[in-house]
PDB file of all heavy atoms in Angstrom:
ATOM      1  N   ILE A   1     -14.169  15.894 -51.798  1.00  0.00           N
ATOM      2  CA  ILE A   1     -15.232  15.526 -50.949  1.00  0.00           C
ATOM      3  C   ILE A   1     -16.357  14.679 -51.580  1.00  0.00           C
ATOM      4  O   ILE A   1     -16.774  13.628 -50.970  1.00  0.00           O
ATOM      5  CB  ILE A   1     -15.942  16.808 -50.335  1.00  0.00           C
ATOM      6  CG1 ILE A   1     -14.998  17.619 -49.424  1.00  0.00           C
ATOM      7  CG2 ILE A   1     -17.254  16.503 -49.661  1.00  0.00           C
ATOM      8  CD1 ILE A   1     -15.499  18.868 -48.927  1.00  0.00           C
ATOM      9  N   PRO A   2     -16.872  14.903 -52.785  1.00  0.00           N
ATOM     10  CA  PRO A   2     -17.792  14.063 -53.463  1.00  0.00           C
ATOM     11  C   PRO A   2     -17.269  12.606 -53.590  1.00  0.00           C
ATOM     12  O   PRO A   2     -18.046  11.633 -53.426  1.00  0.00           O
ATOM     13  CB  PRO A   2     -18.131  14.719 -54.753  1.00  0.00           C
ATOM     14  CG  PRO A   2     -17.732  16.109 -54.538  1.00  0.00           C
ATOM     15  CD  PRO A   2     -16.591  16.189 -53.648  1.00  0.00           C
ATOM     16  N   ALA A   3     -16.022  12.506 -54.115  1.00  0.00           N
ATOM     17  CA  ALA A   3     -15.593  11.132 -54.328  1.00  0.00           C
ATOM     18  C   ALA A   3     -15.386  10.350 -53.011  1.00  0.00           C
ATOM     19  O   ALA A   3     -15.664   9.197 -52.893  1.00  0.00           O
ATOM     20  CB  ALA A   3     -14.173  11.304 -55.027  1.00  0.00           C
ATOM     21  N   VAL A   4     -14.863  11.017 -51.967  1.00  0.00           N
ATOM     22  CA  VAL A   4     -14.737  10.321 -50.628  1.00  0.00           C
ATOM     23  C   VAL A   4     -16.049   9.919 -50.085  1.00  0.00           C
ATOM     24  O   VAL A   4     -16.191   8.791 -49.593  1.00  0.00           O
ATOM     25  CB  VAL A   4     -13.991  11.349 -49.718  1.00  0.00           C
ATOM     26  CG1 VAL A   4     -14.028  10.822 -48.302  1.00  0.00           C
ATOM     27  CG2 VAL A   4     -12.566  11.543 -50.075  1.00  0.00           C
ATOM     28  N   LEU A   5     -17.068  10.814 -50.254  1.00  0.00           N
ATOM     29  CA  LEU A   5     -18.337  10.383 -49.710  1.00  0.00           C
ATOM     30  C   LEU A   5     -18.934   9.187 -50.449  1.00  0.00           C
ATOM     31  O   LEU A   5     -19.502   8.276 -49.884  1.00  0.00           O
ATOM     32  CB  LEU A   5     -19.378  11.603 -49.838  1.00  0.00           C
ATOM     33  CG  LEU A   5     -19.085  12.747 -48.909  1.00  0.00           C
ATOM     34  CD1 LEU A   5     -20.015  13.925 -49.196  1.00  0.00           C
ATOM     35  CD2 LEU A   5     -19.121  12.342 -47.482  1.00  0.00           C
ATOM     36  N   LEU A   6     -18.768   9.122 -51.792  1.00  0.00           N
ATOM     37  CA  LEU A   6     -19.175   8.021 -52.520  1.00  0.00           C
ATOM     38  C   LEU A   6     -18.422   6.747 -52.157  1.00  0.00           C
ATOM     39  O   LEU A   6     -19.047   5.673 -52.088  1.00  0.00           O
ATOM     40  CB  LEU A   6     -19.076   8.302 -54.012  1.00  0.00           C
ATOM     41  CG  LEU A   6     -20.124   9.292 -54.673  1.00  0.00           C
ATOM     42  CD1 LEU A   6     -19.726   9.598 -56.103  1.00  0.00           C
ATOM     43  CD2 LEU A   6     -21.489   8.741 -54.528  1.00  0.00           C
ATOM     44  N   LEU A   7     -17.150   6.882 -52.040  1.00  0.00           N
ATOM     45  CA  LEU A   7     -16.327   5.711 -51.659  1.00  0.00           C
ATOM     46  C   LEU A   7     -16.645   5.148 -50.304  1.00  0.00           C
ATOM     47  O   LEU A   7     -16.760   3.999 -50.100  1.00  0.00           O
ATOM     48  CB  LEU A   7     -14.863   6.018 -51.743  1.00  0.00           C
ATOM     49  CG  LEU A   7     -14.302   6.417 -53.139  1.00  0.00           C
ATOM     50  CD1 LEU A   7     -12.874   6.816 -53.067  1.00  0.00           C
ATOM     51  CD2 LEU A   7     -14.347   5.154 -54.053  1.00  0.00           C
ATOM     52  N   LEU A   8     -16.925   6.053 -49.335  1.00  0.00           N
ATOM     53  CA  LEU A   8     -17.293   5.534 -48.013  1.00  0.00           C
ATOM     54  C   LEU A   8     -18.682   4.974 -47.986  1.00  0.00           C
ATOM     55  O   LEU A   8     -18.941   3.999 -47.251  1.00  0.00           O
ATOM     56  CB  LEU A   8     -17.238   6.732 -47.012  1.00  0.00           C
ATOM     57  CG  LEU A   8     -15.892   7.289 -46.780  1.00  0.00           C
ATOM     58  CD1 LEU A   8     -16.007   8.534 -45.811  1.00  0.00           C
ATOM     59  CD2 LEU A   8     -14.967   6.236 -46.111  1.00  0.00           C
ATOM     60  N   PHE A   9     -19.505   5.469 -48.901  1.00  0.00           N
ATOM     61  CA  PHE A   9     -20.941   4.961 -48.886  1.00  0.00           C
ATOM     62  C   PHE A   9     -21.044   3.591 -49.506  1.00  0.00           C
ATOM     63  O   PHE A   9     -21.843   2.789 -48.996  1.00  0.00           O
ATOM     64  CB  PHE A   9     -21.818   6.011 -49.761  1.00  0.00           C
ATOM     65  CG  PHE A   9     -23.190   5.556 -49.862  1.00  0.00           C
ATOM     66  CD1 PHE A   9     -24.087   5.586 -48.726  1.00  0.00           C
ATOM     67  CD2 PHE A   9     -23.726   4.998 -51.047  1.00  0.00           C
ATOM     68  CE1 PHE A   9     -25.433   5.193 -48.881  1.00  0.00           C
ATOM     69  CE2 PHE A   9     -25.056   4.633 -51.132  1.00  0.00           C
ATOM     70  CZ  PHE A   9     -25.912   4.720 -50.077  1.00  0.00           C
ATOM     71  N   ALA A  10     -20.230   3.253 -50.493  1.00  0.00           N
ATOM     72  CA  ALA A  10     -20.426   2.037 -51.122  1.00  0.00           C
ATOM     73  C   ALA A  10     -19.115   1.310 -51.410  1.00  0.00           C
ATOM     74  O   ALA A  10     -18.892   0.708 -52.456  1.00  0.00           O
ATOM     75  CB  ALA A  10     -21.153   2.192 -52.391  1.00  0.00           C
ATOM     76  N   GLN A  11     -18.189   1.382 -50.477  1.00  0.00           N
ATOM     77  CA  GLN A  11     -16.795   0.804 -50.682  1.00  0.00           C
ATOM     78  C   GLN A  11     -16.878  -0.786 -50.852  1.00  0.00           C
ATOM     79  O   GLN A  11     -16.210  -1.318 -51.640  1.00  0.00           O
ATOM     80  CB  GLN A  11     -15.818   1.181 -49.611  1.00  0.00           C
ATOM     81  CG  GLN A  11     -16.337   0.768 -48.224  1.00  0.00           C
ATOM     82  CD  GLN A  11     -15.352   1.162 -47.170  1.00  0.00           C
ATOM     83  OE1 GLN A  11     -14.204   1.538 -47.483  1.00  0.00           O
ATOM     84  NE2 GLN A  11     -15.738   1.209 -45.902  1.00  0.00           N
ATOM     85  N   ARG A  12     -17.887  -1.388 -50.147  1.00  0.00           N
ATOM     86  CA  ARG A  12     -17.935  -2.820 -50.283  1.00  0.00           C
ATOM     87  C   ARG A  12     -18.390  -3.250 -51.594  1.00  0.00           C
ATOM     88  O   ARG A  12     -18.023  -4.349 -52.121  1.00  0.00           O
ATOM     89  CB  ARG A  12     -18.910  -3.315 -49.178  1.00  0.00           C
ATOM     90  CG  ARG A  12     -20.357  -2.887 -49.208  1.00  0.00           C
ATOM     91  CD  ARG A  12     -21.131  -3.302 -47.999  1.00  0.00           C
ATOM     92  NE  ARG A  12     -22.528  -2.970 -48.151  1.00  0.00           N
ATOM     93  CZ  ARG A  12     -23.380  -3.728 -48.656  1.00  0.00           C
ATOM     94  NH1 ARG A  12     -23.152  -4.881 -49.131  1.00  0.00           N
ATOM     95  NH2 ARG A  12     -24.739  -3.339 -48.658  1.00  0.00           N
ATOM     96  N   HIS A  13     -19.232  -2.306 -52.263  1.00  0.00           N
ATOM     97  CA  HIS A  13     -19.690  -2.724 -53.617  1.00  0.00           C
ATOM     98  C   HIS A  13     -18.557  -2.591 -54.637  1.00  0.00           C
ATOM     99  O   HIS A  13     -18.428  -3.347 -55.580  1.00  0.00           O
ATOM    100  CB  HIS A  13     -20.744  -1.716 -54.026  1.00  0.00           C
ATOM    101  CG  HIS A  13     -22.030  -1.977 -53.231  1.00  0.00           C
ATOM    102  ND1 HIS A  13     -22.622  -3.202 -53.158  1.00  0.00           N
ATOM    103  CD2 HIS A  13     -22.899  -1.111 -52.578  1.00  0.00           C
ATOM    104  CE1 HIS A  13     -23.815  -3.112 -52.457  1.00  0.00           C
ATOM    105  NE2 HIS A  13     -23.889  -1.893 -52.098  1.00  0.00           N
ATOM    106  N   ILE A  14     -17.630  -1.578 -54.332  1.00  0.00           N
ATOM    107  CA  ILE A  14     -16.525  -1.430 -55.246  1.00  0.00           C
ATOM    108  C   ILE A  14     -15.581  -2.649 -55.081  1.00  0.00           C
ATOM    109  O   ILE A  14     -15.096  -3.174 -56.154  1.00  0.00           O
ATOM    110  CB  ILE A  14     -15.628  -0.146 -54.875  1.00  0.00           C
ATOM    111  CG1 ILE A  14     -16.551   1.050 -55.088  1.00  0.00           C
ATOM    112  CG2 ILE A  14     -14.406  -0.105 -55.638  1.00  0.00           C
ATOM    113  CD1 ILE A  14     -15.842   2.320 -54.806  1.00  0.00           C
ATOM    114  N   VAL A  15     -15.279  -3.140 -53.904  1.00  0.00           N
ATOM    115  CA  VAL A  15     -14.477  -4.337 -53.733  1.00  0.00           C
ATOM    116  C   VAL A  15     -15.146  -5.627 -54.444  1.00  0.00           C
ATOM    117  O   VAL A  15     -14.410  -6.360 -55.118  1.00  0.00           O
ATOM    118  CB  VAL A  15     -14.205  -4.570 -52.230  1.00  0.00           C
ATOM    119  CG1 VAL A  15     -13.459  -5.896 -52.051  1.00  0.00           C
ATOM    120  CG2 VAL A  15     -13.482  -3.388 -51.559  1.00  0.00           C
ATOM    121  N   LYS A  16     -16.452  -5.688 -54.235  1.00  0.00           N
ATOM    122  CA  LYS A  16     -17.098  -6.845 -54.904  1.00  0.00           C
ATOM    123  C   LYS A  16     -17.028  -6.691 -56.379  1.00  0.00           C
ATOM    124  O   LYS A  16     -16.889  -7.719 -57.138  1.00  0.00           O
ATOM    125  CB  LYS A  16     -18.511  -6.951 -54.425  1.00  0.00           C
ATOM    126  CG  LYS A  16     -19.312  -8.062 -54.966  1.00  0.00           C
ATOM    127  CD  LYS A  16     -20.713  -8.088 -54.395  1.00  0.00           C
ATOM    128  CE  LYS A  16     -21.493  -9.320 -54.998  1.00  0.00           C
ATOM    129  NZ  LYS A  16     -22.892  -9.419 -54.483  1.00  0.00           N
ATOM    130  N   GLY A  17     -17.208  -5.411 -56.919  1.00  0.00           N
ATOM    131  CA  GLY A  17     -17.063  -5.231 -58.325  1.00  0.00           C
ATOM    132  C   GLY A  17     -15.783  -5.548 -58.980  1.00  0.00           C
ATOM    133  O   GLY A  17     -15.686  -6.035 -60.033  1.00  0.00           O
ATOM    134  N   LEU A  18     -14.728  -5.102 -58.217  1.00  0.00           N
ATOM    135  CA  LEU A  18     -13.404  -5.285 -58.765  1.00  0.00           C
ATOM    136  C   LEU A  18     -12.971  -6.785 -58.611  1.00  0.00           C
ATOM    137  O   LEU A  18     -12.069  -7.233 -59.349  1.00  0.00           O
ATOM    138  CB  LEU A  18     -12.331  -4.448 -57.998  1.00  0.00           C
ATOM    139  CG  LEU A  18     -12.599  -2.943 -58.259  1.00  0.00           C
ATOM    140  CD1 LEU A  18     -11.518  -2.136 -57.462  1.00  0.00           C
ATOM    141  CD2 LEU A  18     -12.451  -2.652 -59.698  1.00  0.00           C
ATOM    142  N   THR A  19     -13.510  -7.516 -57.690  1.00  0.00           N
ATOM    143  CA  THR A  19     -13.033  -8.908 -57.428  1.00  0.00           C
ATOM    144  C   THR A  19     -13.978  -9.923 -58.052  1.00  0.00           C
ATOM    145  O   THR A  19     -13.611 -11.135 -57.995  1.00  0.00           O
ATOM    146  CB  THR A  19     -12.904  -9.246 -55.965  1.00  0.00           C
ATOM    147  OG1 THR A  19     -14.177  -8.955 -55.323  1.00  0.00           O
ATOM    148  CG2 THR A  19     -11.885  -8.426 -55.265  1.00  0.00           C
ATOM    149  N   ALA A  20     -15.176  -9.481 -58.538  1.00  0.00           N
ATOM    150  CA  ALA A  20     -16.095 -10.455 -59.142  1.00  0.00           C
ATOM    151  C   ALA A  20     -15.507 -11.029 -60.396  1.00  0.00           C
ATOM    152  O   ALA A  20     -14.880 -10.419 -61.193  1.00  0.00           O
ATOM    153  CB  ALA A  20     -17.365  -9.677 -59.494  1.00  0.00           C
ATOM    154  N   GLY A  21     -15.716 -12.324 -60.529  1.00  0.00           N
ATOM    155  CA  GLY A  21     -15.148 -13.073 -61.655  1.00  0.00           C
ATOM    156  C   GLY A  21     -13.756 -13.562 -61.560  1.00  0.00           C
ATOM    157  O   GLY A  21     -13.244 -14.076 -62.459  1.00  0.00           O
ATOM    158  N   THR A  22     -13.043 -13.278 -60.414  1.00  0.00           N
ATOM    159  CA  THR A  22     -11.710 -13.708 -60.279  1.00  0.00           C
ATOM    160  C   THR A  22     -11.615 -15.161 -59.989  1.00  0.00           C
ATOM    161  O   THR A  22     -10.581 -15.795 -60.269  1.00  0.00           O
ATOM    162  CB  THR A  22     -11.048 -12.973 -59.123  1.00  0.00           C
ATOM    163  OG1 THR A  22     -11.856 -13.177 -57.873  1.00  0.00           O
ATOM    164  CG2 THR A  22     -10.931 -11.494 -59.345  1.00  0.00           C
ATOM    165  N   VAL A  23     -12.686 -15.783 -59.474  1.00  0.00           N
ATOM    166  CA  VAL A  23     -12.759 -17.286 -59.317  1.00  0.00           C
ATOM    167  C   VAL A  23     -13.604 -17.853 -60.474  1.00  0.00           C
ATOM    168  O   VAL A  23     -14.765 -17.554 -60.453  1.00  0.00           O
ATOM    169  CB  VAL A  23     -13.363 -17.669 -57.856  1.00  0.00           C
ATOM    170  CG1 VAL A  23     -13.410 -19.129 -57.806  1.00  0.00           C
ATOM    171  CG2 VAL A  23     -12.495 -17.035 -56.808  1.00  0.00           C
ATOM    172  N   VAL A  24     -12.958 -18.522 -61.291  1.00  0.00           N
ATOM    173  CA  VAL A  24     -13.620 -19.038 -62.504  1.00  0.00           C
ATOM    174  C   VAL A  24     -14.055 -20.508 -62.259  1.00  0.00           C
ATOM    175  O   VAL A  24     -13.233 -21.283 -61.777  1.00  0.00           O
ATOM    176  CB  VAL A  24     -12.770 -18.955 -63.763  1.00  0.00           C
ATOM    177  CG1 VAL A  24     -13.449 -19.440 -64.965  1.00  0.00           C
ATOM    178  CG2 VAL A  24     -12.330 -17.479 -63.862  1.00  0.00           C
ATOM    179  N   ASN A  25     -15.333 -20.817 -62.615  1.00  0.00           N
ATOM    180  CA  ASN A  25     -15.784 -22.161 -62.535  1.00  0.00           C
ATOM    181  C   ASN A  25     -15.278 -22.890 -63.762  1.00  0.00           C
ATOM    182  O   ASN A  25     -15.579 -22.594 -64.879  1.00  0.00           O
ATOM    183  CB  ASN A  25     -17.244 -22.198 -62.480  1.00  0.00           C
ATOM    184  CG  ASN A  25     -17.845 -23.618 -62.303  1.00  0.00           C
ATOM    185  OD1 ASN A  25     -17.103 -24.551 -62.231  1.00  0.00           O
ATOM    186  ND2 ASN A  25     -19.176 -23.745 -62.151  1.00  0.00           N
ATOM    187  N   PRO A  26     -14.404 -23.927 -63.603  1.00  0.00           N
ATOM    188  CA  PRO A  26     -13.904 -24.689 -64.816  1.00  0.00           C
ATOM    189  C   PRO A  26     -14.949 -25.321 -65.643  1.00  0.00           C
ATOM    190  O   PRO A  26     -14.709 -25.485 -66.808  1.00  0.00           O
ATOM    191  CB  PRO A  26     -12.999 -25.780 -64.127  1.00  0.00           C
ATOM    192  CG  PRO A  26     -12.687 -25.262 -62.799  1.00  0.00           C
ATOM    193  CD  PRO A  26     -13.920 -24.486 -62.392  1.00  0.00           C
ATOM    194  N   ALA A  27     -16.113 -25.645 -65.029  1.00  0.00           N
ATOM    195  CA  ALA A  27     -17.175 -26.280 -65.740  1.00  0.00           C
ATOM    196  C   ALA A  27     -17.974 -25.360 -66.585  1.00  0.00           C
ATOM    197  O   ALA A  27     -18.891 -25.779 -67.365  1.00  0.00           O
ATOM    198  CB  ALA A  27     -18.067 -27.143 -64.797  1.00  0.00           C
ATOM    199  N   ARG A  28     -17.740 -24.042 -66.400  1.00  0.00           N
ATOM    200  CA  ARG A  28     -18.533 -23.022 -67.055  1.00  0.00           C
ATOM    201  C   ARG A  28     -17.732 -22.323 -68.158  1.00  0.00           C
ATOM    202  O   ARG A  28     -16.594 -21.939 -67.930  1.00  0.00           O
ATOM    203  CB  ARG A  28     -18.948 -22.000 -66.084  1.00  0.00           C
ATOM    204  CG  ARG A  28     -19.928 -20.971 -66.618  1.00  0.00           C
ATOM    205  CD  ARG A  28     -20.369 -19.974 -65.583  1.00  0.00           C
ATOM    206  NE  ARG A  28     -21.367 -19.018 -66.142  1.00  0.00           N
ATOM    207  CZ  ARG A  28     -22.058 -18.260 -65.317  1.00  0.00           C
ATOM    208  NH1 ARG A  28     -21.821 -18.150 -64.050  1.00  0.00           N
ATOM    209  NH2 ARG A  28     -22.925 -17.472 -65.834  1.00  0.00           N
ATOM    210  N   PRO A  29     -18.249 -22.253 -69.390  1.00  0.00           N
ATOM    211  CA  PRO A  29     -17.452 -21.684 -70.479  1.00  0.00           C
ATOM    212  C   PRO A  29     -17.367 -20.147 -70.203  1.00  0.00           C
ATOM    213  O   PRO A  29     -18.158 -19.599 -69.529  1.00  0.00           O
ATOM    214  CB  PRO A  29     -18.306 -21.938 -71.745  1.00  0.00           C
ATOM    215  CG  PRO A  29     -19.721 -22.195 -71.161  1.00  0.00           C
ATOM    216  CD  PRO A  29     -19.522 -22.813 -69.887  1.00  0.00           C
ATOM    217  N   ALA A  30     -16.310 -19.538 -70.778  1.00  0.00           N
ATOM    218  CA  ALA A  30     -16.042 -18.207 -70.512  1.00  0.00           C
ATOM    219  C   ALA A  30     -17.186 -17.295 -71.108  1.00  0.00           C
ATOM    220  O   ALA A  30     -17.495 -16.298 -70.545  1.00  0.00           O
ATOM    221  CB  ALA A  30     -14.706 -17.831 -71.240  1.00  0.00           C
ATOM    222  N   PHE A  31     -17.681 -17.663 -72.295  1.00  0.00           N
ATOM    223  CA  PHE A  31     -18.716 -16.873 -72.783  1.00  0.00           C
ATOM    224  C   PHE A  31     -19.862 -17.832 -73.217  1.00  0.00           C
ATOM    225  O   PHE A  31     -19.739 -18.614 -74.193  1.00  0.00           O
ATOM    226  CB  PHE A  31     -18.221 -16.110 -74.044  1.00  0.00           C
ATOM    227  CG  PHE A  31     -17.064 -15.169 -73.822  1.00  0.00           C
ATOM    228  CD1 PHE A  31     -15.750 -15.563 -74.086  1.00  0.00           C
ATOM    229  CD2 PHE A  31     -17.350 -14.020 -73.335  1.00  0.00           C
ATOM    230  CE1 PHE A  31     -14.774 -14.725 -73.780  1.00  0.00           C
ATOM    231  CE2 PHE A  31     -16.379 -13.075 -73.050  1.00  0.00           C
ATOM    232  CZ  PHE A  31     -15.055 -13.406 -73.297  1.00  0.00           C
ATOM    233  N   SER A  32     -20.896 -17.907 -72.391  1.00  0.00           N
ATOM    234  CA  SER A  32     -22.036 -18.836 -72.613  1.00  0.00           C
ATOM    235  C   SER A  32     -23.105 -18.188 -73.418  1.00  0.00           C
ATOM    236  O   SER A  32     -23.177 -16.905 -73.515  1.00  0.00           O
ATOM    237  CB  SER A  32     -22.628 -19.174 -71.218  1.00  0.00           C
ATOM    238  OG  SER A  32     -23.106 -17.985 -70.529  1.00  0.00           O
ATOM    239  N   ARG A  33     -23.794 -19.056 -74.199  1.00  0.00           N
ATOM    240  CA  ARG A  33     -24.843 -18.580 -74.954  1.00  0.00           C
ATOM    241  C   ARG A  33     -26.137 -19.221 -74.529  1.00  0.00           C
ATOM    242  O   ARG A  33     -26.180 -20.461 -74.070  1.00  0.00           O
ATOM    243  CB  ARG A  33     -24.639 -18.984 -76.452  1.00  0.00           C
ATOM    244  CG  ARG A  33     -23.569 -18.289 -77.142  1.00  0.00           C
ATOM    245  CD  ARG A  33     -23.457 -18.671 -78.585  1.00  0.00           C
ATOM    246  NE  ARG A  33     -23.122 -20.106 -78.775  1.00  0.00           N
ATOM    247  CZ  ARG A  33     -23.228 -20.727 -79.918  1.00  0.00           C
ATOM    248  NH1 ARG A  33     -23.732 -20.152 -80.982  1.00  0.00           N
ATOM    249  NH2 ARG A  33     -22.937 -22.018 -79.919  1.00  0.00           N
ATOM    250  N   SER A  34     -27.140 -18.578 -74.573  1.00  0.00           N
ATOM    251  CA  SER A  34     -28.453 -19.091 -74.063  1.00  0.00           C
ATOM    252  C   SER A  34     -29.579 -18.433 -74.824  1.00  0.00           C
ATOM    253  O   SER A  34     -29.370 -17.273 -75.353  1.00  0.00           O
ATOM    254  CB  SER A  34     -28.703 -18.920 -72.662  1.00  0.00           C
ATOM    255  OG  SER A  34     -28.670 -17.561 -72.275  1.00  0.00           O
TER     256      SER A  34
END
């Protein structure tokens, strides 16, 4: 029950978190320093 409630509450955030960074900008270095 707790896990299902959390997943239903913020499933779109999970999808975004798991797919973030899958599209890489070629002009941007993998590890930038600033």
